[in-house]
Amino acid sequence: MEYDEFAADLPMCGRASFFSPEENEDVMQSYDVNQQVRQLGNGSFRADCAMLETNQALFAADRFNLACSVHLEPPPGTVVLLAFHSIGEKLIVSGENVANDKLVVMPDGAGVDLTTPDLAGSDSLLLPAARYDELIETLCPTCSRPEGLAIIDGDARELKLIRTAIIETMRKPYPAHNDEELSNLIARMITMIGNSSSESKPEVFNCNQSRIHIAKQIQEYIEANFRETIHIEDLCRITNKGVRTIQRIFKWYFDITITDYIKMVRLNAAYRLLSTSHTKDKSVAAIAMQKGFLHIGRFSIEYRKRFGESPRATLVRP
C-alpha cells in the first residue's frame, strides 16, 4: 500500500502535512503536546495530522510514511486514549506491541516511547483528566480502573470500528456534530477500558520498571554524549549490567539496537543543523564532525540513504 492511500482517510478539514519531523513537532507543541520525532526509515519524511476540538474532547489522528522513533507526552491535565494501527502488524510502545488490537491509556503526566514501522498511525481522544475520572466512575462503577500507563486488550474489529468512528466524527465540520453522537463514541471507548480493566496491563509496566529504567538510562547517556565516541563499556558501567543484557533490554524497549539508535540520533541532529538558515556559513564536514561523525565520506553515504538527498543539498536548500 502506498502512503497516499494509507493516509486518504484523514479529513481535509483541519489536516496538516509535514515534510520534516521539526514541522510535526512545532504543530504538536501548539496543542501543548510534547512530541519528539526522529526519522528511522530511509527516504523523504512525510506525516499528516488532523485535529478537531469539540466541547467534549479533542479528537486527533496522524499518519507516518516511514519508521520513526517518537517520544510523546500529552498536554498537562489530560488523559489520552490511543488506538494505533500499522500495515506491518507491529508498533512498539514502551516495549509492548500495541498495533491494531490494543488501546493505550496515557494518564496525566505520563510519557511513552514508541517506534513506528512503515505506514503507521493512530486515532486518539484527549479528555480532561477530571472528565475521564468522572466517566470511568459513572459508566463502569463496579470495575477497577487501570492506574498509570495501561494497555487494554481489545478486539481488532471493535478497535477498527472505533478508529473509523473517530475519523467520521472529524470529517463533520464542528459545530455540526451531534452531542449525543460524541457522547456515545466517548462512552464506547471508556466502556472498553472499564470492562477490560481486569485484562489491562498496567502491571506489565510495573513489573518491567527495572528494565525500563535501564533502557532509559542508556538513552539519556546517548542523548547527552552522542557528539563524542560512545563505548559499550560506558553503557555497561552506568547500568551495572553486562553487554548482552543491555543490548537485549534496549532492543526490547525501543525496538532498535543501541548502535542504530546512536546513528539515528546523530543523523537527525545533523539534518536539523544542516536545514537551519543560520548554518549556511558552515561546511558539511564541520557539521558532521560536530554531531559525532569522524568519517565524512561514510557520513555522506549514510545521510543520503536516510534522507534521500546529500548533506550539501540540505545545506543549500532555501
Protein backbone atom coordinates (compact mmCIF):
# COMPACT_ATOMS: atom_id res chain seq x y z
CA MET A 1 0.00 0.00 0.00
CA GLU A 2 1.25 3.48 -0.88
CA TYR A 3 1.28 6.25 1.71
CA ASP A 4 -1.32 8.39 -0.07
CA GLU A 5 -3.76 5.51 0.10
CA PHE A 6 -2.91 4.79 3.73
CA ALA A 7 -3.49 8.42 4.75
CA ALA A 8 -6.50 9.00 2.49
CA ASP A 9 -8.97 8.54 5.34
CA LEU A 10 -7.78 11.68 7.15
CA PRO A 11 -10.28 14.55 6.74
CA MET A 12 -9.11 17.51 4.68
CA CYS A 13 -10.62 19.97 7.14
CA GLY A 14 -8.13 20.59 9.93
CA ARG A 15 -5.46 18.50 8.22
CA ALA A 16 -1.80 19.47 8.08
CA SER A 17 1.04 17.85 6.14
CA PHE A 18 4.63 17.77 7.37
CA PHE A 19 7.79 17.14 5.39
CA SER A 20 10.21 17.11 8.30
CA PRO A 21 9.99 15.92 11.92
CA GLU A 22 10.58 19.52 13.05
CA GLU A 23 7.40 20.73 11.37
CA ASN A 24 5.44 17.95 13.04
CA GLU A 25 6.87 18.80 16.46
CA ASP A 26 6.12 22.52 16.11
CA VAL A 27 2.44 21.96 15.34
CA MET A 28 2.05 19.45 18.18
CA GLN A 29 3.64 21.95 20.53
CA SER A 30 0.91 24.46 19.66
CA TYR A 31 -1.52 21.95 21.21
CA ASP A 32 0.74 21.55 24.28
CA VAL A 33 1.74 18.08 23.09
CA ASN A 34 5.42 17.41 23.70
CA GLN A 35 6.40 15.17 20.79
CA GLN A 36 9.94 14.44 19.67
CA VAL A 37 10.16 12.70 16.30
CA ARG A 38 13.27 11.19 14.76
CA GLN A 39 13.35 9.64 11.33
CA LEU A 40 14.39 5.99 11.46
CA GLY A 41 13.38 4.78 8.00
CA ASN A 42 15.09 5.70 4.75
CA GLY A 43 13.62 8.21 2.30
CA SER A 44 11.78 11.51 2.34
CA PHE A 45 9.81 12.12 5.53
CA ARG A 46 6.06 12.67 5.32
CA ALA A 47 3.46 12.85 8.04
CA ASP A 48 -0.11 14.08 8.14
CA CYS A 49 -2.17 15.06 11.14
CA ALA A 50 -5.77 16.15 11.66
CA MET A 51 -7.36 17.53 14.82
CA LEU A 52 -10.85 18.52 15.87
CA GLU A 53 -11.62 20.29 19.13
CA THR A 54 -15.16 19.90 20.47
CA ASN A 55 -16.83 20.87 23.71
CA GLN A 56 -16.37 17.30 24.96
CA ALA A 57 -12.93 16.21 23.78
CA LEU A 58 -10.09 16.79 21.34
CA PHE A 59 -10.02 14.25 18.51
CA ALA A 60 -6.72 13.64 16.72
CA ALA A 61 -5.33 11.34 14.04
CA ASP A 62 -1.90 11.06 12.46
CA ARG A 63 -0.15 9.04 9.77
CA PHE A 64 3.57 8.42 9.12
CA ASN A 65 5.07 7.22 5.86
CA LEU A 66 8.20 5.59 7.30
CA ALA A 67 9.70 4.26 10.50
CA CYS A 68 10.19 6.83 13.26
CA SER A 69 11.27 6.88 16.88
CA VAL A 70 8.89 9.07 18.87
CA HIS A 71 8.66 10.32 22.43
CA LEU A 72 5.16 11.50 23.27
CA GLU A 73 3.83 13.39 26.29
CA PRO A 74 0.19 14.55 26.41
CA PRO A 75 -0.88 18.05 27.46
CA PRO A 76 -0.92 18.62 31.22
CA GLY A 77 -4.20 17.68 32.87
CA THR A 78 -5.16 15.38 30.02
CA VAL A 79 -5.80 11.67 29.59
CA VAL A 80 -5.18 10.30 26.08
CA LEU A 81 -6.82 7.20 24.62
CA LEU A 82 -4.79 5.96 21.66
CA ALA A 83 -5.63 3.30 19.09
CA PHE A 84 -2.56 2.55 16.96
CA HIS A 85 -2.53 0.72 13.66
CA SER A 86 0.09 -0.31 11.15
CA ILE A 87 0.28 -2.30 7.96
CA GLY A 88 3.05 -4.47 9.37
CA GLU A 89 1.03 -5.52 12.45
CA LYS A 90 3.74 -4.12 14.71
CA LEU A 91 4.08 -0.87 16.61
CA ILE A 92 6.05 -0.83 19.84
CA VAL A 93 5.06 1.37 22.79
CA SER A 94 7.39 1.14 25.79
CA GLY A 95 8.34 -2.43 24.93
CA GLU A 96 4.84 -3.70 24.05
CA ASN A 97 3.33 -4.34 20.62
CA VAL A 98 0.10 -2.33 20.50
CA ALA A 99 -0.72 -2.43 16.80
CA ASN A 100 -4.34 -2.90 15.75
CA ASP A 101 -5.81 -4.74 18.76
CA LYS A 102 -4.75 -2.67 21.78
CA LEU A 103 -5.99 0.57 23.31
CA VAL A 104 -3.31 2.60 25.11
CA VAL A 105 -4.36 4.78 28.04
CA MET A 106 -1.92 7.59 28.82
CA PRO A 107 -2.84 9.26 32.11
CA ASP A 108 -1.99 12.80 33.12
CA GLY A 109 1.78 13.20 33.42
CA ALA A 110 2.66 10.01 31.53
CA GLY A 111 5.00 9.79 28.58
CA VAL A 112 5.72 6.96 26.18
CA ASP A 113 8.43 5.98 23.75
CA LEU A 114 7.20 4.39 20.56
CA THR A 115 8.70 3.04 17.38
CA THR A 116 6.57 3.13 14.26
CA PRO A 117 7.16 0.91 11.24
CA ASP A 118 6.45 1.93 7.66
CA LEU A 119 2.87 3.19 7.21
CA ALA A 120 1.68 3.57 10.77
CA GLY A 121 -0.67 5.91 12.55
CA SER A 122 -3.00 6.50 15.45
CA ASP A 123 -6.51 7.73 16.11
CA SER A 124 -6.96 9.23 19.53
CA LEU A 125 -9.14 11.01 22.00
CA LEU A 126 -7.88 13.60 24.50
CA LEU A 127 -10.03 14.16 27.59
CA PRO A 128 -9.58 16.43 30.60
CA ALA A 129 -8.36 14.21 33.43
CA ALA A 130 -11.27 15.16 35.68
CA ARG A 131 -13.76 14.30 32.94
CA TYR A 132 -12.08 10.93 32.35
CA ASP A 133 -12.28 10.08 36.06
CA GLU A 134 -15.96 11.06 36.13
CA LEU A 135 -16.79 8.93 33.09
CA ILE A 136 -14.95 5.86 34.41
CA GLU A 137 -16.79 6.12 37.72
CA THR A 138 -20.18 6.69 36.08
CA LEU A 139 -20.03 4.22 33.20
CA CYS A 140 -18.11 1.43 34.93
CA PRO A 141 -18.85 1.77 38.67
CA THR A 142 -18.08 -1.87 39.53
CA CYS A 143 -14.85 -2.14 37.56
CA SER A 144 -11.40 -1.38 38.85
CA ARG A 145 -9.89 1.35 36.71
CA PRO A 146 -6.32 0.95 35.46
CA GLU A 147 -3.78 3.10 37.27
CA GLY A 148 -0.92 4.61 35.35
CA LEU A 149 0.02 3.84 31.76
CA ALA A 150 -2.05 0.88 30.61
CA ILE A 151 -2.58 -1.31 27.58
CA ILE A 152 -6.12 -2.55 27.12
CA ASP A 153 -6.53 -5.85 25.29
CA GLY A 154 -9.26 -5.34 22.76
CA ASP A 155 -10.82 -6.84 19.71
CA ALA A 156 -9.16 -5.77 16.46
CA ARG A 157 -12.53 -5.46 14.73
CA GLU A 158 -14.01 -3.32 17.52
CA LEU A 159 -10.97 -1.05 17.59
CA LYS A 160 -11.13 -0.66 13.83
CA LEU A 161 -14.76 0.43 14.18
CA ILE A 162 -13.75 2.93 16.87
CA ARG A 163 -10.95 4.32 14.71
CA THR A 164 -13.39 4.68 11.83
CA ALA A 165 -15.88 6.44 14.11
CA ILE A 166 -13.17 8.91 15.22
CA ILE A 167 -12.34 9.71 11.60
CA GLU A 168 -16.00 10.06 10.63
CA THR A 169 -16.50 12.40 13.58
CA MET A 170 -13.60 14.54 12.42
CA ARG A 171 -14.99 14.72 8.90
CA LYS A 172 -18.02 16.67 10.11
CA PRO A 173 -17.32 20.40 10.46
CA TYR A 174 -17.83 21.47 14.07
CA PRO A 175 -20.29 22.53 15.50
CA ALA A 176 -22.35 20.36 13.15
CA HIS A 177 -21.74 17.42 15.46
CA ASN A 178 -24.49 15.89 17.49
CA ASP A 179 -23.55 15.97 21.17
CA GLU A 180 -25.27 12.65 21.64
CA GLU A 181 -23.10 11.03 18.95
CA LEU A 182 -19.95 12.44 20.56
CA SER A 183 -21.01 11.17 23.97
CA ASN A 184 -21.75 7.71 22.58
CA LEU A 185 -18.33 7.45 20.94
CA ILE A 186 -16.53 8.57 24.09
CA ALA A 187 -18.63 6.19 26.21
CA ARG A 188 -17.77 3.35 23.83
CA MET A 189 -14.05 3.82 24.44
CA ILE A 190 -14.43 4.33 28.20
CA THR A 191 -16.57 1.21 28.46
CA MET A 192 -13.88 -0.81 26.69
CA ILE A 193 -11.41 0.35 29.35
CA GLY A 194 -13.74 -0.37 32.24
CA ASN A 195 -14.93 -3.75 31.03
CA SER A 196 -11.42 -4.88 30.22
CA SER A 197 -9.72 -3.45 33.29
CA SER A 198 -9.06 -6.92 34.65
CA GLU A 199 -7.22 -7.72 31.43
CA SER A 200 -5.39 -4.43 31.12
CA LYS A 201 -1.68 -4.39 31.57
CA PRO A 202 -0.54 -1.61 33.88
CA GLU A 203 1.16 -4.39 35.83
CA VAL A 204 3.32 -5.09 32.78
CA PHE A 205 4.89 -1.69 33.13
CA ASN A 206 5.17 -2.06 36.90
CA CYS A 207 6.94 -5.43 36.58
CA ASN A 208 9.20 -4.06 33.88
CA GLN A 209 10.20 -0.89 35.72
CA SER A 210 13.76 -2.08 36.26
CA ARG A 211 14.19 -2.94 32.57
CA ILE A 212 12.55 0.33 31.52
CA HIS A 213 14.90 2.20 33.86
CA ILE A 214 17.92 0.56 32.25
CA ALA A 215 16.72 1.35 28.73
CA LYS A 216 16.08 4.98 29.68
CA GLN A 217 19.49 5.24 31.36
CA ILE A 218 21.16 4.16 28.14
CA GLN A 219 19.02 6.54 26.09
CA GLU A 220 19.82 9.50 28.34
CA TYR A 221 23.54 8.77 28.16
CA ILE A 222 23.41 8.58 24.36
CA GLU A 223 21.42 11.82 24.10
CA ALA A 224 23.95 13.63 26.27
CA ASN A 225 27.10 12.19 24.69
CA PHE A 226 26.33 11.34 21.03
CA ARG A 227 28.73 14.04 19.81
CA GLU A 228 31.59 12.06 21.37
CA THR A 229 32.71 8.48 20.92
CA ILE A 230 30.41 6.17 22.87
CA HIS A 231 31.92 2.91 24.08
CA ILE A 232 29.77 -0.06 25.00
CA GLU A 233 31.67 -0.38 28.28
CA ASP A 234 30.44 3.12 29.22
CA LEU A 235 26.86 1.90 28.92
CA CYS A 236 27.64 -1.22 30.93
CA ARG A 237 29.25 0.93 33.61
CA ILE A 238 26.33 3.33 34.07
CA THR A 239 23.76 0.50 34.17
CA ASN A 240 25.92 -2.01 36.06
CA LYS A 241 24.82 -4.65 33.54
CA GLY A 242 26.62 -6.83 31.01
CA VAL A 243 26.76 -6.26 27.25
CA ARG A 244 24.17 -8.86 26.27
CA THR A 245 21.76 -7.68 28.96
CA ILE A 246 21.79 -4.02 27.92
CA GLN A 247 21.57 -4.92 24.23
CA ARG A 248 18.56 -7.16 24.84
CA ILE A 249 16.75 -4.66 27.12
CA PHE A 250 17.32 -1.70 24.82
CA LYS A 251 16.10 -3.60 21.77
CA TRP A 252 13.03 -4.80 23.70
CA TYR A 253 12.06 -1.29 24.80
CA PHE A 254 12.89 0.80 21.72
CA ASP A 255 12.68 -1.90 19.02
CA ILE A 256 16.05 -0.73 17.72
CA THR A 257 19.63 -1.70 18.53
CA ILE A 258 21.90 0.58 20.53
CA THR A 259 24.17 1.06 17.52
CA ASP A 260 21.29 2.03 15.24
CA TYR A 261 19.87 4.35 17.88
CA ILE A 262 23.18 6.22 18.13
CA LYS A 263 23.33 6.53 14.35
CA MET A 264 19.72 7.75 14.24
CA VAL A 265 20.38 10.45 16.85
CA ARG A 266 23.50 11.67 15.06
CA LEU A 267 21.93 11.70 11.60
CA ASN A 268 18.81 13.52 12.75
CA ALA A 269 20.86 16.06 14.68
CA ALA A 270 22.98 16.69 11.57
CA TYR A 271 19.84 17.08 9.45
CA ARG A 272 18.36 19.65 11.83
CA LEU A 273 21.56 21.68 11.84
CA LEU A 274 22.05 21.47 8.08
CA SER A 275 18.48 22.56 7.40
CA THR A 276 18.52 25.69 9.57
CA SER A 277 19.31 29.01 7.90
CA HIS A 278 21.92 30.16 10.41
CA THR A 279 24.27 27.29 9.47
CA LYS A 280 24.75 28.30 5.82
CA ASP A 281 28.23 29.60 6.60
CA LYS A 282 29.32 26.20 7.93
CA SER A 283 30.68 23.29 5.92
CA VAL A 284 29.18 19.84 5.74
CA ALA A 285 32.37 18.39 7.21
CA ALA A 286 32.27 20.74 10.20
CA ILE A 287 28.64 19.90 10.96
CA ALA A 288 29.24 16.16 10.56
CA MET A 289 32.15 16.23 12.99
CA GLN A 290 30.17 18.39 15.40
CA LYS A 291 27.48 15.69 15.51
CA GLY A 292 29.85 12.80 16.17
CA PHE A 293 30.80 11.59 12.66
CA LEU A 294 34.51 11.03 12.21
CA HIS A 295 34.45 9.77 8.60
CA ILE A 296 32.92 12.38 6.29
CA GLY A 297 32.58 10.07 3.31
CA ARG A 298 30.74 7.46 5.34
CA PHE A 299 28.56 10.20 6.84
CA SER A 300 27.53 11.41 3.37
CA ILE A 301 26.59 7.89 2.28
CA GLU A 302 24.53 7.21 5.40
CA TYR A 303 22.91 10.67 5.22
CA ARG A 304 21.82 10.28 1.58
CA LYS A 305 20.48 6.80 2.32
CA ARG A 306 18.46 8.06 5.28
CA PHE A 307 17.06 11.35 3.96
CA GLY A 308 17.08 10.85 0.21
CA GLU A 309 19.44 13.74 -0.55
CA SER A 310 23.06 14.70 0.02
CA PRO A 311 24.09 16.76 3.07
CA ARG A 312 25.12 19.53 0.67
CA ALA A 313 21.67 19.59 -0.89
CA THR A 314 20.09 20.06 2.53
CA LEU A 315 22.55 22.80 3.42
CA VAL A 316 21.94 24.94 0.32
CA ARG A 317 18.19 24.35 0.08
CA PRO A 318 16.22 27.58 0.72
